[in-house]
Protein backbone atom coordinates (compact mmCIF):
# COMPACT_ATOMS: atom_id res chain seq x y z
CA MET A 1 60.54 99.36 97.21
CA ALA A 2 62.32 100.15 93.92
CA ASP A 3 63.01 103.72 95.08
CA LEU A 4 64.73 102.42 98.20
CA GLU A 5 66.95 100.13 96.13
CA GLU A 6 67.88 102.97 93.77
CA GLU A 7 68.75 105.18 96.73
CA ASP A 8 70.97 102.45 98.18
CA ASP A 9 72.68 102.07 94.80
CA ASP A 10 73.25 105.82 94.64
CA ASP A 11 74.78 105.84 98.12
CA PHE A 12 77.01 102.92 97.19
CA ASP A 13 78.13 104.60 93.95
CA ILE A 14 79.08 107.83 95.70
CA SER A 15 80.81 105.97 98.53
CA LEU A 16 82.82 103.92 96.05
CA LEU A 17 83.75 107.08 94.16
CA ARG A 18 84.95 108.77 97.35
CA PHE A 19 86.83 105.64 98.47
CA THR A 20 88.65 105.40 95.15
CA SER A 21 89.47 109.10 95.06
CA PHE A 22 91.03 108.86 98.54
CA PHE A 23 93.68 106.49 97.21
CA ALA A 24 94.24 108.67 94.14
CA TYR A 25 94.85 111.66 96.44
CA ALA A 26 97.19 109.57 98.62
CA TYR A 27 99.20 108.53 95.54
CA LEU A 28 99.40 112.13 94.36
CA GLY A 29 100.51 113.23 97.83
CA PHE A 30 103.41 110.81 97.62
CA THR A 31 104.17 112.08 94.12
CA ILE A 32 104.39 115.64 95.45
CA ILE A 33 106.66 114.49 98.27
CA THR A 34 108.88 112.74 95.71
CA GLY A 35 109.12 115.93 93.68
CA VAL A 36 109.89 118.06 96.73
CA VAL A 37 112.64 115.67 97.83
CA HIS A 38 114.14 115.66 94.33
CA VAL A 39 114.13 119.47 94.17
CA SER A 40 115.48 119.90 97.70
CA LEU A 41 118.43 117.57 97.06
CA GLY A 42 119.78 120.25 94.76
CA SER A 43 120.81 117.93 92.00
CA GLU A 44 122.04 119.35 88.70
CA SER A 45 118.71 118.85 86.99
CA PHE A 46 115.79 119.81 89.23
CA PHE A 47 113.28 119.94 86.35
CA PRO A 48 111.95 116.37 86.91
CA GLY A 49 111.14 117.27 90.52
CA TRP A 50 109.14 120.33 89.49
CA ALA A 51 107.46 118.30 86.76
CA HIS A 52 106.30 115.80 89.43
CA ILE A 53 104.96 118.59 91.63
CA VAL A 54 103.13 120.48 88.87
CA SER A 55 101.73 117.30 87.37
CA ALA A 56 100.41 116.06 90.73
CA VAL A 57 98.77 119.41 91.52
CA LEU A 58 97.09 119.51 88.10
CA VAL A 59 95.83 115.95 88.45
CA MET A 60 94.47 116.75 91.94
CA GLY A 61 92.49 119.57 90.37
CA GLU A 62 91.28 117.24 87.64
CA ILE A 63 90.15 114.60 90.14
CA THR A 64 88.36 117.24 92.21
CA ALA A 65 86.56 118.57 89.13
CA LEU A 66 85.55 115.05 88.07
CA LEU A 67 84.26 114.24 91.55
CA ILE A 68 82.14 117.36 91.65
CA PHE A 69 80.83 116.71 88.13
CA LEU A 70 79.95 113.07 88.79
CA ILE A 71 78.28 113.76 92.14
CA GLU A 72 76.21 116.58 90.63
CA LEU A 73 75.34 114.43 87.61
CA LYS A 74 74.29 111.55 89.85
CA GLY A 75 72.04 113.93 91.78
CA LYS A 76 70.41 115.31 88.64
CA VAL A 77 69.86 111.87 87.15
CA GLY A 78 68.28 110.78 90.44
CA GLU A 79 65.90 113.76 90.36
CA ALA A 80 64.88 113.08 86.76
CA ILE A 81 63.84 109.51 87.45
């Protein structure tokens, strides 16, 4: 009975992690669009647009790495118990 509850908790944790990361990716997608629009307008200073784009891409990589790490860690902790 306790194993079943732990498995449900694990499924809920991973689902919540994926749900939260979806909104982080959506926000970063809008950040990239903002940067592209700023760069494409051809204003005098296009550096802030490129900074938005580069920053969003780096944070997407960071979120992906954290997701992979946490999912793998959750799996290893579950095996150890």
